[in-house]
Amino acid sequence: MTDTNFTFRVDEDLKAEFTRAAKANDRPASILLRDFMRDYVNRNREASEYDAWVDAELEQRLREADDPATKWIPHEQVMDEMEALLKERIARAAKRAG
């Protein structure tokens, strides 16, 4: 990988504070700036990859929802089944607790 210069303007006080903080932590300012840039790029890449994954999952779910073979379960039925399951688990836990 070829190195290149990156020049930008920054407030003089901010530059002085940053330089002091870098020296106080025995870190060259240039290395810290490269680390910040690398971290930013990685976070952005991860966010983009996550967004792409979410989009793909959503598209798949929409295709499934549009599929005539998809079996739909009424909300009330799901809630009734979950309530029964919870009651069963609570009863088993109470029985174990004695």
N, C-alpha and C. Protein backbone atom coordinates (compact mmCIF):
# COMPACT_ATOMS: atom_id res chain seq x y z
N MET A 1 0.85 -1.17 0.00
CA MET A 1 0.00 0.00 0.00
C MET A 1 0.89 1.23 0.00
N THR A 2 0.59 2.18 -0.84
CA THR A 2 1.37 3.40 -0.96
C THR A 2 0.85 4.45 0.01
N ASP A 3 1.75 5.09 0.72
CA ASP A 3 1.37 6.18 1.63
C ASP A 3 1.19 7.46 0.84
N THR A 4 0.32 8.31 1.34
CA THR A 4 0.09 9.61 0.73
C THR A 4 -0.16 10.63 1.84
N ASN A 5 -0.06 11.88 1.51
CA ASN A 5 -0.33 12.93 2.49
C ASN A 5 -1.82 13.26 2.50
N PHE A 6 -2.29 13.67 3.67
CA PHE A 6 -3.67 14.10 3.85
C PHE A 6 -3.61 15.42 4.59
N THR A 7 -3.98 16.48 3.93
CA THR A 7 -3.88 17.81 4.53
C THR A 7 -5.27 18.36 4.76
N PHE A 8 -5.48 18.93 5.96
CA PHE A 8 -6.77 19.55 6.25
C PHE A 8 -6.57 20.68 7.25
N ARG A 9 -7.53 21.56 7.28
CA ARG A 9 -7.46 22.70 8.17
C ARG A 9 -8.17 22.36 9.47
N VAL A 10 -7.59 22.84 10.57
CA VAL A 10 -8.18 22.60 11.88
C VAL A 10 -7.91 23.82 12.76
N ASP A 11 -8.80 24.07 13.66
CA ASP A 11 -8.64 25.18 14.60
C ASP A 11 -7.31 25.03 15.35
N GLU A 12 -6.60 26.13 15.49
CA GLU A 12 -5.27 26.11 16.12
C GLU A 12 -5.32 25.58 17.55
N ASP A 13 -6.33 25.99 18.30
CA ASP A 13 -6.44 25.51 19.69
C ASP A 13 -6.71 24.00 19.74
N LEU A 14 -7.55 23.53 18.83
CA LEU A 14 -7.83 22.10 18.79
C LEU A 14 -6.57 21.31 18.46
N LYS A 15 -5.80 21.81 17.50
CA LYS A 15 -4.55 21.14 17.13
C LYS A 15 -3.61 21.08 18.32
N ALA A 16 -3.48 22.19 19.04
CA ALA A 16 -2.58 22.23 20.20
C ALA A 16 -3.04 21.26 21.28
N GLU A 17 -4.34 21.24 21.57
CA GLU A 17 -4.88 20.34 22.59
C GLU A 17 -4.66 18.88 22.18
N PHE A 18 -4.93 18.59 20.90
CA PHE A 18 -4.77 17.23 20.40
C PHE A 18 -3.31 16.79 20.50
N THR A 19 -2.41 17.67 20.11
CA THR A 19 -0.98 17.35 20.16
C THR A 19 -0.55 17.10 21.60
N ARG A 20 -1.00 17.94 22.53
CA ARG A 20 -0.66 17.75 23.95
C ARG A 20 -1.21 16.42 24.46
N ALA A 21 -2.46 16.12 24.12
CA ALA A 21 -3.07 14.86 24.59
C ALA A 21 -2.33 13.66 24.00
N ALA A 22 -1.95 13.73 22.75
CA ALA A 22 -1.21 12.64 22.12
C ALA A 22 0.14 12.43 22.80
N LYS A 23 0.85 13.52 23.05
CA LYS A 23 2.16 13.42 23.71
C LYS A 23 2.00 12.88 25.13
N ALA A 24 0.94 13.31 25.83
CA ALA A 24 0.71 12.84 27.20
C ALA A 24 0.48 11.33 27.23
N ASN A 25 0.01 10.78 26.14
CA ASN A 25 -0.24 9.34 26.05
C ASN A 25 0.83 8.62 25.24
N ASP A 26 1.95 9.31 25.00
CA ASP A 26 3.07 8.72 24.26
C ASP A 26 2.64 8.15 22.91
N ARG A 27 1.78 8.90 22.21
CA ARG A 27 1.30 8.48 20.89
C ARG A 27 1.51 9.62 19.91
N PRO A 28 2.15 9.38 18.80
CA PRO A 28 2.28 10.42 17.78
C PRO A 28 0.89 10.79 17.24
N ALA A 29 0.66 12.06 17.04
CA ALA A 29 -0.63 12.54 16.55
C ALA A 29 -0.98 11.90 15.22
N SER A 30 0.03 11.72 14.36
CA SER A 30 -0.25 11.14 13.04
C SER A 30 -0.78 9.72 13.15
N ILE A 31 -0.25 8.94 14.09
CA ILE A 31 -0.73 7.57 14.27
C ILE A 31 -2.16 7.59 14.80
N LEU A 32 -2.43 8.48 15.74
CA LEU A 32 -3.80 8.59 16.26
C LEU A 32 -4.79 8.95 15.17
N LEU A 33 -4.41 9.90 14.32
CA LEU A 33 -5.29 10.29 13.23
C LEU A 33 -5.52 9.13 12.26
N ARG A 34 -4.47 8.37 11.96
CA ARG A 34 -4.65 7.19 11.10
C ARG A 34 -5.57 6.17 11.76
N ASP A 35 -5.39 5.97 13.08
CA ASP A 35 -6.26 5.04 13.81
C ASP A 35 -7.72 5.51 13.76
N PHE A 36 -7.93 6.82 13.96
CA PHE A 36 -9.30 7.36 13.90
C PHE A 36 -9.90 7.13 12.52
N MET A 37 -9.12 7.38 11.49
CA MET A 37 -9.61 7.20 10.12
C MET A 37 -9.93 5.73 9.86
N ARG A 38 -9.05 4.84 10.28
CA ARG A 38 -9.25 3.40 10.07
C ARG A 38 -10.51 2.93 10.81
N ASP A 39 -10.67 3.38 12.05
CA ASP A 39 -11.85 3.00 12.83
C ASP A 39 -13.13 3.51 12.17
N TYR A 40 -13.09 4.74 11.69
CA TYR A 40 -14.26 5.32 11.03
C TYR A 40 -14.63 4.52 9.79
N VAL A 41 -13.64 4.18 8.99
CA VAL A 41 -13.88 3.40 7.76
C VAL A 41 -14.46 2.04 8.12
N ASN A 42 -13.90 1.38 9.14
CA ASN A 42 -14.39 0.07 9.54
C ASN A 42 -15.82 0.13 10.06
N ARG A 43 -16.12 1.13 10.90
CA ARG A 43 -17.49 1.27 11.41
C ARG A 43 -18.46 1.53 10.27
N ASN A 44 -18.06 2.37 9.31
CA ASN A 44 -18.91 2.67 8.17
C ASN A 44 -19.15 1.42 7.33
N ARG A 45 -18.08 0.63 7.12
CA ARG A 45 -18.21 -0.61 6.35
C ARG A 45 -19.15 -1.57 7.07
N GLU A 46 -18.96 -1.72 8.38
CA GLU A 46 -19.82 -2.63 9.14
C GLU A 46 -21.27 -2.18 9.09
N ALA A 47 -21.51 -0.88 9.20
CA ALA A 47 -22.87 -0.36 9.13
C ALA A 47 -23.47 -0.62 7.76
N SER A 48 -22.69 -0.42 6.72
CA SER A 48 -23.18 -0.66 5.36
C SER A 48 -23.48 -2.14 5.15
N GLU A 49 -22.61 -3.01 5.65
CA GLU A 49 -22.84 -4.45 5.52
C GLU A 49 -24.09 -4.86 6.28
N TYR A 50 -24.28 -4.29 7.47
CA TYR A 50 -25.48 -4.60 8.26
C TYR A 50 -26.73 -4.12 7.53
N ASP A 51 -26.68 -2.89 6.99
CA ASP A 51 -27.83 -2.37 6.25
C ASP A 51 -28.16 -3.27 5.06
N ALA A 52 -27.13 -3.74 4.35
CA ALA A 52 -27.35 -4.63 3.21
C ALA A 52 -27.97 -5.94 3.67
N TRP A 53 -27.51 -6.47 4.80
CA TRP A 53 -28.08 -7.70 5.35
C TRP A 53 -29.54 -7.50 5.71
N VAL A 54 -29.86 -6.39 6.40
CA VAL A 54 -31.24 -6.10 6.77
C VAL A 54 -32.11 -5.99 5.53
N ASP A 55 -31.63 -5.28 4.51
CA ASP A 55 -32.39 -5.14 3.26
C ASP A 55 -32.66 -6.50 2.63
N ALA A 56 -31.65 -7.36 2.59
CA ALA A 56 -31.81 -8.69 2.00
C ALA A 56 -32.81 -9.53 2.80
N GLU A 57 -32.72 -9.45 4.13
CA GLU A 57 -33.66 -10.19 4.97
C GLU A 57 -35.08 -9.69 4.76
N LEU A 58 -35.24 -8.38 4.68
CA LEU A 58 -36.56 -7.81 4.46
C LEU A 58 -37.13 -8.24 3.12
N GLU A 59 -36.31 -8.20 2.08
CA GLU A 59 -36.76 -8.64 0.75
C GLU A 59 -37.20 -10.10 0.80
N GLN A 60 -36.43 -10.94 1.48
CA GLN A 60 -36.78 -12.36 1.59
C GLN A 60 -38.11 -12.52 2.32
N ARG A 61 -38.30 -11.80 3.40
CA ARG A 61 -39.55 -11.90 4.17
C ARG A 61 -40.74 -11.40 3.35
N LEU A 62 -40.52 -10.36 2.56
CA LEU A 62 -41.60 -9.86 1.71
C LEU A 62 -41.96 -10.88 0.64
N ARG A 63 -40.95 -11.55 0.07
CA ARG A 63 -41.23 -12.61 -0.91
C ARG A 63 -42.02 -13.74 -0.27
N GLU A 64 -41.62 -14.11 0.96
CA GLU A 64 -42.35 -15.16 1.67
C GLU A 64 -43.78 -14.73 1.96
N ALA A 65 -43.98 -13.48 2.34
CA ALA A 65 -45.32 -12.99 2.64
C ALA A 65 -46.20 -12.98 1.40
N ASP A 66 -45.60 -12.73 0.25
CA ASP A 66 -46.36 -12.69 -1.01
C ASP A 66 -46.60 -14.08 -1.60
N ASP A 67 -45.89 -15.08 -1.08
CA ASP A 67 -46.02 -16.44 -1.61
C ASP A 67 -47.39 -17.00 -1.24
N PRO A 68 -48.17 -17.46 -2.22
CA PRO A 68 -49.50 -18.00 -1.92
C PRO A 68 -49.45 -19.24 -1.02
N ALA A 69 -48.31 -19.92 -0.97
CA ALA A 69 -48.18 -21.12 -0.14
C ALA A 69 -47.89 -20.79 1.33
N THR A 70 -47.65 -19.53 1.63
CA THR A 70 -47.34 -19.13 3.00
C THR A 70 -48.55 -19.35 3.89
N LYS A 71 -48.33 -20.02 5.02
CA LYS A 71 -49.40 -20.27 5.97
C LYS A 71 -49.45 -19.11 6.97
N TRP A 72 -50.59 -18.49 7.07
CA TRP A 72 -50.78 -17.38 8.00
C TRP A 72 -51.47 -17.88 9.26
N ILE A 73 -50.99 -17.45 10.39
CA ILE A 73 -51.58 -17.83 11.68
C ILE A 73 -52.20 -16.58 12.30
N PRO A 74 -53.46 -16.63 12.66
CA PRO A 74 -54.10 -15.46 13.26
C PRO A 74 -53.41 -15.05 14.57
N HIS A 75 -53.38 -13.77 14.81
CA HIS A 75 -52.73 -13.22 16.00
C HIS A 75 -53.30 -13.83 17.27
N GLU A 76 -54.60 -13.95 17.35
CA GLU A 76 -55.24 -14.48 18.55
C GLU A 76 -54.77 -15.91 18.84
N GLN A 77 -54.60 -16.70 17.78
CA GLN A 77 -54.14 -18.07 17.96
C GLN A 77 -52.71 -18.09 18.51
N VAL A 78 -51.86 -17.26 17.97
CA VAL A 78 -50.48 -17.18 18.46
C VAL A 78 -50.45 -16.76 19.92
N MET A 79 -51.24 -15.76 20.26
CA MET A 79 -51.26 -15.28 21.65
C MET A 79 -51.79 -16.37 22.59
N ASP A 80 -52.83 -17.09 22.17
CA ASP A 80 -53.37 -18.17 23.00
C ASP A 80 -52.33 -19.27 23.20
N GLU A 81 -51.62 -19.64 22.14
CA GLU A 81 -50.60 -20.68 22.25
C GLU A 81 -49.45 -20.24 23.15
N MET A 82 -49.06 -18.99 23.03
CA MET A 82 -47.97 -18.48 23.88
C MET A 82 -48.40 -18.41 25.34
N GLU A 83 -49.62 -18.00 25.58
CA GLU A 83 -50.12 -17.93 26.96
C GLU A 83 -50.14 -19.33 27.58
N ALA A 84 -50.59 -20.33 26.83
CA ALA A 84 -50.60 -21.71 27.33
C ALA A 84 -49.18 -22.19 27.60
N LEU A 85 -48.26 -21.87 26.72
CA LEU A 85 -46.86 -22.27 26.90
C LEU A 85 -46.27 -21.63 28.15
N LEU A 86 -46.54 -20.36 28.35
CA LEU A 86 -46.03 -19.67 29.54
C LEU A 86 -46.61 -20.26 30.82
N LYS A 87 -47.90 -20.55 30.82
CA LYS A 87 -48.53 -21.15 32.01
C LYS A 87 -47.90 -22.50 32.32
N GLU A 88 -47.63 -23.27 31.28
CA GLU A 88 -47.01 -24.59 31.45
C GLU A 88 -45.61 -24.44 32.04
N ARG A 89 -44.84 -23.51 31.54
CA ARG A 89 -43.47 -23.30 32.05
C ARG A 89 -43.49 -22.79 33.49
N ILE A 90 -44.41 -21.91 33.80
CA ILE A 90 -44.52 -21.38 35.17
C ILE A 90 -44.90 -22.51 36.12
N ALA A 91 -45.82 -23.36 35.70
CA ALA A 91 -46.25 -24.48 36.54
C ALA A 91 -45.09 -25.44 36.79
N ARG A 92 -44.30 -25.72 35.72
CA ARG A 92 -43.15 -26.63 35.88
C ARG A 92 -42.10 -26.03 36.81
N ALA A 93 -41.87 -24.73 36.69
CA ALA A 93 -40.88 -24.06 37.55
C ALA A 93 -41.35 -24.07 39.00
N ALA A 94 -42.62 -23.84 39.21
CA ALA A 94 -43.16 -23.85 40.58
C ALA A 94 -43.07 -25.25 41.18
N LYS A 95 -43.32 -26.29 40.37
CA LYS A 95 -43.25 -27.65 40.83
C LYS A 95 -41.83 -28.02 41.24
N ARG A 96 -40.83 -27.56 40.44
CA ARG A 96 -39.42 -27.82 40.75
C ARG A 96 -38.98 -27.09 42.02
N ALA A 97 -39.52 -25.90 42.20
CA ALA A 97 -39.14 -25.09 43.36
C ALA A 97 -39.72 -25.68 44.64
N GLY A 98 -40.75 -26.50 44.48
CA GLY A 98 -41.33 -27.26 45.56
C GLY A 98 -42.14 -26.49 46.49
